[in-house]
């Protein structure tokens, strides 16, 4: 988690929430963007433009799947786990 916390301190880090749009609307990390897990493969070009990526979801499961997929496609990223954990790390 220290690695995630240090990345969150950078203005260049993009927090990507891979939950559904409905879940995202129910609460999310301020400034994060919503790319649902099922859209990750089609949106690889967007990820390639991001310098630092921290992924999150409800529990860390879906963001773990997204992290594995993105790393297999050459994208440097970290699984932040739950969006609540990422929110805490970002703000404390």
PDB file of N, CA and C in Angstrom:
ATOM      1  N   UNK A   1       0.809  -1.210   0.000  1.00  0.00           N
ATOM      2  CA  UNK A   1       0.000   0.000   0.000  1.00  0.00           C
ATOM      3  C   UNK A   1       0.850   1.271   0.000  1.00  0.00           C
ATOM      4  N   UNK A   2       2.094   1.152   0.483  1.00  0.00           N
ATOM      5  CA  UNK A   2       2.970   2.333   0.477  1.00  0.00           C
ATOM      6  C   UNK A   2       3.238   2.798  -0.955  1.00  0.00           C
ATOM      7  N   UNK A   3       3.377   1.821  -1.860  1.00  0.00           N
ATOM      8  CA  UNK A   3       3.609   2.156  -3.267  1.00  0.00           C
ATOM      9  C   UNK A   3       2.401   2.909  -3.832  1.00  0.00           C
ATOM     10  N   UNK A   4       1.208   2.460  -3.476  1.00  0.00           N
ATOM     11  CA  UNK A   4      -0.014   3.129  -3.925  1.00  0.00           C
ATOM     12  C   UNK A   4      -0.073   4.531  -3.339  1.00  0.00           C
ATOM     13  N   UNK A   5       0.208   4.651  -2.045  1.00  0.00           N
ATOM     14  CA  UNK A   5       0.154   5.954  -1.386  1.00  0.00           C
ATOM     15  C   UNK A   5       1.116   6.946  -2.032  1.00  0.00           C
ATOM     16  N   UNK A   6       2.335   6.486  -2.362  1.00  0.00           N
ATOM     17  CA  UNK A   6       3.297   7.400  -2.980  1.00  0.00           C
ATOM     18  C   UNK A   6       2.847   7.811  -4.380  1.00  0.00           C
ATOM     19  N   UNK A   7       2.238   6.886  -5.130  1.00  0.00           N
ATOM     20  CA  UNK A   7       1.721   7.250  -6.458  1.00  0.00           C
ATOM     21  C   UNK A   7       0.590   8.262  -6.346  1.00  0.00           C
ATOM     22  N   UNK A   8      -0.259   8.095  -5.332  1.00  0.00           N
ATOM     23  CA  UNK A   8      -1.396   9.004  -5.172  1.00  0.00           C
ATOM     24  C   UNK A   8      -0.956  10.433  -4.858  1.00  0.00           C
ATOM     25  N   UNK A   9       0.274  10.600  -4.386  1.00  0.00           N
ATOM     26  CA  UNK A   9       0.788  11.930  -4.084  1.00  0.00           C
ATOM     27  C   UNK A   9       1.144  12.706  -5.361  1.00  0.00           C
ATOM     28  N   UNK A  10       1.250  12.006  -6.481  1.00  0.00           N
ATOM     29  CA  UNK A  10       1.605  12.648  -7.753  1.00  0.00           C
ATOM     30  C   UNK A  10       0.365  13.194  -8.465  1.00  0.00           C
ATOM     31  N   UNK A  11       0.503  14.397  -9.004  1.00  0.00           N
ATOM     32  CA  UNK A  11      -0.591  15.003  -9.784  1.00  0.00           C
ATOM     33  C   UNK A  11      -0.814  14.267 -11.102  1.00  0.00           C
ATOM     34  N   UNK A  12       0.154  13.462 -11.510  1.00  0.00           N
ATOM     35  CA  UNK A  12       0.053  12.768 -12.797  1.00  0.00           C
ATOM     36  C   UNK A  12      -0.642  11.415 -12.685  1.00  0.00           C
ATOM     37  N   UNK A  13      -0.970  11.011 -11.462  1.00  0.00           N
ATOM     38  CA  UNK A  13      -1.611   9.716 -11.253  1.00  0.00           C
ATOM     39  C   UNK A  13      -3.094   9.792 -11.587  1.00  0.00           C
ATOM     40  N   UNK A  14      -3.567   8.795 -12.333  1.00  0.00           N
ATOM     41  CA  UNK A  14      -4.986   8.692 -12.673  1.00  0.00           C
ATOM     42  C   UNK A  14      -5.559   7.531 -11.860  1.00  0.00           C
ATOM     43  N   UNK A  15      -6.633   7.812 -11.119  1.00  0.00           N
ATOM     44  CA  UNK A  15      -7.327   6.768 -10.372  1.00  0.00           C
ATOM     45  C   UNK A  15      -8.472   6.287 -11.248  1.00  0.00           C
ATOM     46  N   UNK A  16      -8.449   4.998 -11.579  1.00  0.00           N
ATOM     47  CA  UNK A  16      -9.478   4.408 -12.434  1.00  0.00           C
ATOM     48  C   UNK A  16     -10.311   3.442 -11.603  1.00  0.00           C
ATOM     49  N   UNK A  17     -11.598   3.732 -11.512  1.00  0.00           N
ATOM     50  CA  UNK A  17     -12.551   2.898 -10.781  1.00  0.00           C
ATOM     51  C   UNK A  17     -13.205   1.973 -11.799  1.00  0.00           C
ATOM     52  N   UNK A  18     -13.062   0.658 -11.616  1.00  0.00           N
ATOM     53  CA  UNK A  18     -13.551  -0.296 -12.613  1.00  0.00           C
ATOM     54  C   UNK A  18     -14.925  -0.883 -12.253  1.00  0.00           C
ATOM     55  N   UNK A  19     -15.619  -0.253 -11.305  1.00  0.00           N
ATOM     56  CA  UNK A  19     -16.974  -0.705 -10.967  1.00  0.00           C
ATOM     57  C   UNK A  19     -17.953  -0.252 -12.056  1.00  0.00           C
ATOM     58  N   UNK A  20     -19.199  -0.700 -11.934  1.00  0.00           N
ATOM     59  CA  UNK A  20     -20.227  -0.295 -12.892  1.00  0.00           C
ATOM     60  C   UNK A  20     -20.526   1.188 -12.723  1.00  0.00           C
ATOM     61  N   UNK A  21     -21.071   1.834 -13.753  1.00  0.00           N
ATOM     62  CA  UNK A  21     -21.437   3.249 -13.618  1.00  0.00           C
ATOM     63  C   UNK A  21     -22.386   3.503 -12.441  1.00  0.00           C
ATOM     64  N   UNK A  22     -23.314   2.594 -12.191  1.00  0.00           N
ATOM     65  CA  UNK A  22     -24.252   2.777 -11.080  1.00  0.00           C
ATOM     66  C   UNK A  22     -23.512   2.755  -9.737  1.00  0.00           C
ATOM     67  N   UNK A  23     -22.566   1.829  -9.590  1.00  0.00           N
ATOM     68  CA  UNK A  23     -21.774   1.776  -8.353  1.00  0.00           C
ATOM     69  C   UNK A  23     -20.950   3.049  -8.197  1.00  0.00           C
ATOM     70  N   UNK A  24     -20.348   3.495  -9.297  1.00  0.00           N
ATOM     71  CA  UNK A  24     -19.515   4.698  -9.290  1.00  0.00           C
ATOM     72  C   UNK A  24     -20.332   5.914  -8.863  1.00  0.00           C
ATOM     73  N   UNK A  25     -21.551   6.014  -9.366  1.00  0.00           N
ATOM     74  CA  UNK A  25     -22.410   7.148  -9.015  1.00  0.00           C
ATOM     75  C   UNK A  25     -22.801   7.134  -7.539  1.00  0.00           C
ATOM     76  N   UNK A  26     -22.769   5.956  -6.923  1.00  0.00           N
ATOM     77  CA  UNK A  26     -23.106   5.837  -5.511  1.00  0.00           C
ATOM     78  C   UNK A  26     -22.008   6.330  -4.582  1.00  0.00           C
ATOM     79  N   UNK A  27     -20.841   6.629  -5.133  1.00  0.00           N
ATOM     80  CA  UNK A  27     -19.706   7.123  -4.364  1.00  0.00           C
ATOM     81  C   UNK A  27     -18.410   6.711  -5.014  1.00  0.00           C
ATOM     82  N   UNK A  28     -17.443   7.616  -5.023  1.00  0.00           N
ATOM     83  CA  UNK A  28     -16.146   7.338  -5.641  1.00  0.00           C
ATOM     84  C   UNK A  28     -15.095   8.322  -5.122  1.00  0.00           C
ATOM     85  N   UNK A  29     -13.852   8.036  -5.433  1.00  0.00           N
ATOM     86  CA  UNK A  29     -12.754   8.925  -5.063  1.00  0.00           C
ATOM     87  C   UNK A  29     -12.858  10.187  -5.913  1.00  0.00           C
ATOM     88  N   UNK A  30     -12.789  11.338  -5.269  1.00  0.00           N
ATOM     89  CA  UNK A  30     -12.844  12.611  -5.999  1.00  0.00           C
ATOM     90  C   UNK A  30     -11.741  12.651  -7.050  1.00  0.00           C
ATOM     91  N   UNK A  31     -12.119  12.989  -8.275  1.00  0.00           N
ATOM     92  CA  UNK A  31     -11.157  13.083  -9.362  1.00  0.00           C
ATOM     93  C   UNK A  31     -10.902  11.780 -10.103  1.00  0.00           C
ATOM     94  N   UNK A  32     -11.472  10.683  -9.617  1.00  0.00           N
ATOM     95  CA  UNK A  32     -11.265   9.396 -10.297  1.00  0.00           C
ATOM     96  C   UNK A  32     -12.131   9.324 -11.547  1.00  0.00           C
ATOM     97  N   UNK A  33     -11.761   8.421 -12.451  1.00  0.00           N
ATOM     98  CA  UNK A  33     -12.568   8.212 -13.649  1.00  0.00           C
ATOM     99  C   UNK A  33     -13.130   6.795 -13.618  1.00  0.00           C
ATOM    100  N   UNK A  34     -14.253   6.604 -14.271  1.00  0.00           N
ATOM    101  CA  UNK A  34     -14.928   5.315 -14.284  1.00  0.00           C
ATOM    102  C   UNK A  34     -14.735   4.626 -15.630  1.00  0.00           C
ATOM    103  N   UNK A  35     -14.021   3.515 -15.610  1.00  0.00           N
ATOM    104  CA  UNK A  35     -13.893   2.649 -16.785  1.00  0.00           C
ATOM    105  C   UNK A  35     -14.285   1.254 -16.294  1.00  0.00           C
ATOM    106  N   UNK A  36     -15.541   0.850 -16.503  1.00  0.00           N
ATOM    107  CA  UNK A  36     -15.988  -0.457 -16.019  1.00  0.00           C
ATOM    108  C   UNK A  36     -15.091  -1.593 -16.521  1.00  0.00           C
ATOM    109  N   UNK A  37     -14.928  -2.610 -15.681  1.00  0.00           N
ATOM    110  CA  UNK A  37     -14.038  -3.728 -15.991  1.00  0.00           C
ATOM    111  C   UNK A  37     -14.276  -4.290 -17.393  1.00  0.00           C
ATOM    112  N   UNK A  38     -15.539  -4.449 -17.788  1.00  0.00           N
ATOM    113  CA  UNK A  38     -15.829  -5.041 -19.100  1.00  0.00           C
ATOM    114  C   UNK A  38     -15.409  -4.145 -20.263  1.00  0.00           C
ATOM    115  N   UNK A  39     -15.109  -2.867 -20.003  1.00  0.00           N
ATOM    116  CA  UNK A  39     -14.672  -1.947 -21.065  1.00  0.00           C
ATOM    117  C   UNK A  39     -13.152  -1.810 -21.146  1.00  0.00           C
ATOM    118  N   UNK A  40     -12.437  -2.344 -20.165  1.00  0.00           N
ATOM    119  CA  UNK A  40     -10.979  -2.170 -20.109  1.00  0.00           C
ATOM    120  C   UNK A  40     -10.288  -2.609 -21.404  1.00  0.00           C
ATOM    121  N   UNK A  41     -10.590  -3.807 -21.959  1.00  0.00           N
ATOM    122  CA  UNK A  41      -9.882  -4.212 -23.185  1.00  0.00           C
ATOM    123  C   UNK A  41     -10.059  -3.237 -24.358  1.00  0.00           C
ATOM    124  N   UNK A  42     -11.274  -2.724 -24.552  1.00  0.00           N
ATOM    125  CA  UNK A  42     -11.515  -1.804 -25.677  1.00  0.00           C
ATOM    126  C   UNK A  42     -10.899  -0.428 -25.442  1.00  0.00           C
ATOM    127  N   UNK A  43     -10.591  -0.131 -24.191  1.00  0.00           N
ATOM    128  CA  UNK A  43     -10.103   1.216 -23.869  1.00  0.00           C
ATOM    129  C   UNK A  43      -8.601   1.254 -23.582  1.00  0.00           C
ATOM    130  N   UNK A  44      -7.895   0.225 -24.048  1.00  0.00           N
ATOM    131  CA  UNK A  44      -6.438   0.186 -23.882  1.00  0.00           C
ATOM    132  C   UNK A  44      -5.741   1.452 -24.388  1.00  0.00           C
ATOM    133  N   UNK A  45      -6.149   2.016 -25.538  1.00  0.00           N
ATOM    134  CA  UNK A  45      -5.473   3.233 -26.001  1.00  0.00           C
ATOM    135  C   UNK A  45      -5.520   4.369 -24.968  1.00  0.00           C
ATOM    136  N   UNK A  46      -6.629   4.485 -24.227  1.00  0.00           N
ATOM    137  CA  UNK A  46      -6.729   5.509 -23.176  1.00  0.00           C
ATOM    138  C   UNK A  46      -5.719   5.235 -22.072  1.00  0.00           C
ATOM    139  N   UNK A  47      -5.619   3.960 -21.669  1.00  0.00           N
ATOM    140  CA  UNK A  47      -4.678   3.607 -20.608  1.00  0.00           C
ATOM    141  C   UNK A  47      -3.241   3.880 -21.023  1.00  0.00           C
ATOM    142  N   UNK A  48      -2.935   3.671 -22.303  1.00  0.00           N
ATOM    143  CA  UNK A  48      -1.564   3.889 -22.786  1.00  0.00           C
ATOM    144  C   UNK A  48      -1.147   5.356 -22.669  1.00  0.00           C
ATOM    145  N   UNK A  49      -2.104   6.272 -22.643  1.00  0.00           N
ATOM    146  CA  UNK A  49      -1.808   7.707 -22.526  1.00  0.00           C
ATOM    147  C   UNK A  49      -1.618   8.150 -21.077  1.00  0.00           C
ATOM    148  N   UNK A  50      -1.974   7.292 -20.127  1.00  0.00           N
ATOM    149  CA  UNK A  50      -1.872   7.642 -18.708  1.00  0.00           C
ATOM    150  C   UNK A  50      -0.473   7.335 -18.196  1.00  0.00           C
ATOM    151  N   UNK A  51       0.087   8.264 -17.416  1.00  0.00           N
ATOM    152  CA  UNK A  51       1.448   8.079 -16.915  1.00  0.00           C
ATOM    153  C   UNK A  51       1.493   7.131 -15.719  1.00  0.00           C
ATOM    154  N   UNK A  52       0.653   7.372 -14.727  1.00  0.00           N
ATOM    155  CA  UNK A  52       0.578   6.525 -13.535  1.00  0.00           C
ATOM    156  C   UNK A  52      -0.881   6.139 -13.337  1.00  0.00           C
ATOM    157  N   UNK A  53      -1.145   4.850 -13.121  1.00  0.00           N
ATOM    158  CA  UNK A  53      -2.522   4.372 -12.977  1.00  0.00           C
ATOM    159  C   UNK A  53      -2.668   3.582 -11.676  1.00  0.00           C
ATOM    160  N   UNK A  54      -3.684   3.964 -10.893  1.00  0.00           N
ATOM    161  CA  UNK A  54      -4.075   3.193  -9.714  1.00  0.00           C
ATOM    162  C   UNK A  54      -5.512   2.762  -9.959  1.00  0.00           C
ATOM    163  N   UNK A  55      -5.759   1.455  -9.884  1.00  0.00           N
ATOM    164  CA  UNK A  55      -7.098   0.924 -10.122  1.00  0.00           C
ATOM    165  C   UNK A  55      -7.776   0.603  -8.800  1.00  0.00           C
ATOM    166  N   UNK A  56      -9.101   0.777  -8.764  1.00  0.00           N
ATOM    167  CA  UNK A  56      -9.858   0.419  -7.571  1.00  0.00           C
ATOM    168  C   UNK A  56     -11.246  -0.059  -7.979  1.00  0.00           C
ATOM    169  N   UNK A  57     -11.938  -0.683  -7.020  1.00  0.00           N
ATOM    170  CA  UNK A  57     -13.305  -1.156  -7.231  1.00  0.00           C
ATOM    171  C   UNK A  57     -13.976  -1.231  -5.868  1.00  0.00           C
ATOM    172  N   UNK A  58     -14.863  -2.179  -5.661  1.00  0.00           N
ATOM    173  CA  UNK A  58     -15.542  -2.289  -4.367  1.00  0.00           C
ATOM    174  C   UNK A  58     -14.660  -2.988  -3.326  1.00  0.00           C
ATOM    175  N   UNK A  59     -13.996  -4.079  -3.735  1.00  0.00           N
ATOM    176  CA  UNK A  59     -13.224  -4.867  -2.765  1.00  0.00           C
ATOM    177  C   UNK A  59     -11.771  -5.100  -3.164  1.00  0.00           C
ATOM    178  N   UNK A  60     -11.438  -4.855  -4.425  1.00  0.00           N
ATOM    179  CA  UNK A  60     -10.093  -5.124  -4.933  1.00  0.00           C
ATOM    180  C   UNK A  60     -10.052  -6.285  -5.909  1.00  0.00           C
ATOM    181  N   UNK A  61     -11.152  -7.025  -6.021  1.00  0.00           N
ATOM    182  CA  UNK A  61     -11.198  -8.169  -6.932  1.00  0.00           C
ATOM    183  C   UNK A  61     -11.189  -7.777  -8.392  1.00  0.00           C
ATOM    184  N   UNK A  62     -12.120  -6.920  -8.770  1.00  0.00           N
ATOM    185  CA  UNK A  62     -12.196  -6.489 -10.178  1.00  0.00           C
ATOM    186  C   UNK A  62     -10.993  -5.641 -10.563  1.00  0.00           C
ATOM    187  N   UNK A  63     -10.544  -4.788  -9.641  1.00  0.00           N
ATOM    188  CA  UNK A  63      -9.363  -3.976  -9.962  1.00  0.00           C
ATOM    189  C   UNK A  63      -8.129  -4.867 -10.083  1.00  0.00           C
ATOM    190  N   UNK A  64      -8.098  -5.985  -9.358  1.00  0.00           N
ATOM    191  CA  UNK A  64      -7.007  -6.950  -9.500  1.00  0.00           C
ATOM    192  C   UNK A  64      -7.009  -7.587 -10.875  1.00  0.00           C
ATOM    193  N   UNK A  65      -8.207  -7.934 -11.364  1.00  0.00           N
ATOM    194  CA  UNK A  65      -8.324  -8.503 -12.717  1.00  0.00           C
ATOM    195  C   UNK A  65      -7.855  -7.490 -13.759  1.00  0.00           C
ATOM    196  N   UNK A  66      -8.288  -6.241 -13.589  1.00  0.00           N
ATOM    197  CA  UNK A  66      -7.903  -5.185 -14.541  1.00  0.00           C
ATOM    198  C   UNK A  66      -6.402  -4.948 -14.501  1.00  0.00           C
ATOM    199  N   UNK A  67      -5.818  -4.953 -13.302  1.00  0.00           N
ATOM    200  CA  UNK A  67      -4.373  -4.749 -13.153  1.00  0.00           C
ATOM    201  C   UNK A  67      -3.601  -5.844 -13.889  1.00  0.00           C
ATOM    202  N   UNK A  68      -4.010  -7.090 -13.691  1.00  0.00           N
ATOM    203  CA  UNK A  68      -3.349  -8.212 -14.363  1.00  0.00           C
ATOM    204  C   UNK A  68      -3.428  -8.055 -15.877  1.00  0.00           C
ATOM    205  N   UNK A  69      -4.619  -7.744 -16.388  1.00  0.00           N
ATOM    206  CA  UNK A  69      -4.815  -7.588 -17.831  1.00  0.00           C
ATOM    207  C   UNK A  69      -3.950  -6.454 -18.379  1.00  0.00           C
ATOM    208  N   UNK A  70      -3.972  -5.302 -17.705  1.00  0.00           N
ATOM    209  CA  UNK A  70      -3.214  -4.148 -18.190  1.00  0.00           C
ATOM    210  C   UNK A  70      -1.712  -4.417 -18.169  1.00  0.00           C
ATOM    211  N   UNK A  71      -1.231  -5.072 -17.112  1.00  0.00           N
ATOM    212  CA  UNK A  71       0.205  -5.389 -17.047  1.00  0.00           C
ATOM    213  C   UNK A  71       0.603  -6.347 -18.168  1.00  0.00           C
ATOM    214  N   UNK A  72      -0.290  -7.311 -18.491  1.00  0.00           N
ATOM    215  CA  UNK A  72      -0.014  -8.236 -19.599  1.00  0.00           C
ATOM    216  C   UNK A  72       0.070  -7.491 -20.927  1.00  0.00           C
ATOM    217  N   UNK A  73      -0.533  -6.303 -20.982  1.00  0.00           N
ATOM    218  CA  UNK A  73      -0.511  -5.489 -22.192  1.00  0.00           C
ATOM    219  C   UNK A  73       0.473  -4.329 -22.087  1.00  0.00           C
ATOM    220  N   UNK A  74       1.418  -4.433 -21.154  1.00  0.00           N
ATOM    221  CA  UNK A  74       2.514  -3.470 -21.071  1.00  0.00           C
ATOM    222  C   UNK A  74       2.194  -2.165 -20.381  1.00  0.00           C
ATOM    223  N   UNK A  75       1.114  -2.109 -19.627  1.00  0.00           N
ATOM    224  CA  UNK A  75       0.750  -0.867 -18.952  1.00  0.00           C
ATOM    225  C   UNK A  75       1.126  -0.974 -17.474  1.00  0.00           C
ATOM    226  N   UNK A  76       1.911  -0.013 -17.025  1.00  0.00           N
ATOM    227  CA  UNK A  76       2.353   0.021 -15.633  1.00  0.00           C
ATOM    228  C   UNK A  76       1.212   0.544 -14.774  1.00  0.00           C
ATOM    229  N   UNK A  77       0.755  -0.263 -13.826  1.00  0.00           N
ATOM    230  CA  UNK A  77      -0.364   0.139 -12.978  1.00  0.00           C
ATOM    231  C   UNK A  77      -0.307  -0.609 -11.659  1.00  0.00           C
ATOM    232  N   UNK A  78      -1.080  -0.123 -10.704  1.00  0.00           N
ATOM    233  CA  UNK A  78      -1.160  -0.758  -9.390  1.00  0.00           C
ATOM    234  C   UNK A  78      -2.607  -0.967  -9.003  1.00  0.00           C
ATOM    235  N   UNK A  79      -2.856  -2.053  -8.287  1.00  0.00           N
ATOM    236  CA  UNK A  79      -4.188  -2.307  -7.749  1.00  0.00           C
ATOM    237  C   UNK A  79      -4.268  -1.639  -6.383  1.00  0.00           C
ATOM    238  N   UNK A  80      -5.138  -0.628  -6.270  1.00  0.00           N
ATOM    239  CA  UNK A  80      -5.313   0.061  -4.997  1.00  0.00           C
ATOM    240  C   UNK A  80      -6.307  -0.620  -4.088  1.00  0.00           C
ATOM    241  N   UNK A  81      -7.020  -1.622  -4.612  1.00  0.00           N
ATOM    242  CA  UNK A  81      -8.025  -2.326  -3.812  1.00  0.00           C
ATOM    243  C   UNK A  81      -9.353  -1.590  -3.807  1.00  0.00           C
ATOM    244  N   UNK A  82      -9.956  -1.536  -2.650  1.00  0.00           N
ATOM    245  CA  UNK A  82     -11.247  -0.873  -2.491  1.00  0.00           C
ATOM    246  C   UNK A  82     -11.138   0.630  -2.736  1.00  0.00           C
ATOM    247  N   UNK A  83     -12.164   1.208  -3.363  1.00  0.00           N
ATOM    248  CA  UNK A  83     -12.140   2.662  -3.581  1.00  0.00           C
ATOM    249  C   UNK A  83     -12.115   3.404  -2.248  1.00  0.00           C
ATOM    250  N   UNK A  84     -12.682   2.806  -1.211  1.00  0.00           N
ATOM    251  CA  UNK A  84     -12.655   3.442   0.112  1.00  0.00           C
ATOM    252  C   UNK A  84     -11.229   3.491   0.658  1.00  0.00           C
ATOM    253  N   UNK A  85     -10.455   2.430   0.411  1.00  0.00           N
ATOM    254  CA  UNK A  85      -9.047   2.416   0.831  1.00  0.00           C
ATOM    255  C   UNK A  85      -8.246   3.457   0.058  1.00  0.00           C
ATOM    256  N   UNK A  86      -8.476   3.533  -1.249  1.00  0.00           N
ATOM    257  CA  UNK A  86      -7.756   4.507  -2.082  1.00  0.00           C
ATOM    258  C   UNK A  86      -8.130   5.925  -1.638  1.00  0.00           C
ATOM    259  N   UNK A  87      -9.394   6.143  -1.359  1.00  0.00           N
ATOM    260  CA  UNK A  87      -9.848   7.453  -0.900  1.00  0.00           C
ATOM    261  C   UNK A  87      -9.157   7.832   0.405  1.00  0.00           C
ATOM    262  N   UNK A  88      -9.050   6.876   1.324  1.00  0.00           N
ATOM    263  CA  UNK A  88      -8.377   7.127   2.600  1.00  0.00           C
ATOM    264  C   UNK A  88      -6.903   7.467   2.372  1.00  0.00           C
ATOM    265  N   UNK A  89      -6.216   6.660   1.560  1.00  0.00           N
ATOM    266  CA  UNK A  89      -4.796   6.883   1.297  1.00  0.00           C
ATOM    267  C   UNK A  89      -4.561   8.234   0.622  1.00  0.00           C
ATOM    268  N   UNK A  90      -5.449   8.615  -0.255  1.00  0.00           N
ATOM    269  CA  UNK A  90      -5.307   9.876  -0.990  1.00  0.00           C
ATOM    270  C   UNK A  90      -5.474  11.069  -0.059  1.00  0.00           C
ATOM    271  N   UNK A  91      -6.336  10.937   0.917  1.00  0.00           N
ATOM    272  CA  UNK A  91      -6.687  12.085   1.763  1.00  0.00           C
ATOM    273  C   UNK A  91      -6.027  12.113   3.131  1.00  0.00           C
ATOM    274  N   UNK A  92      -5.179  11.127   3.431  1.00  0.00           N
ATOM    275  CA  UNK A  92      -4.534  11.100   4.757  1.00  0.00           C
ATOM    276  C   UNK A  92      -3.027  10.896   4.646  1.00  0.00           C
TER     277      UNK A  92
END
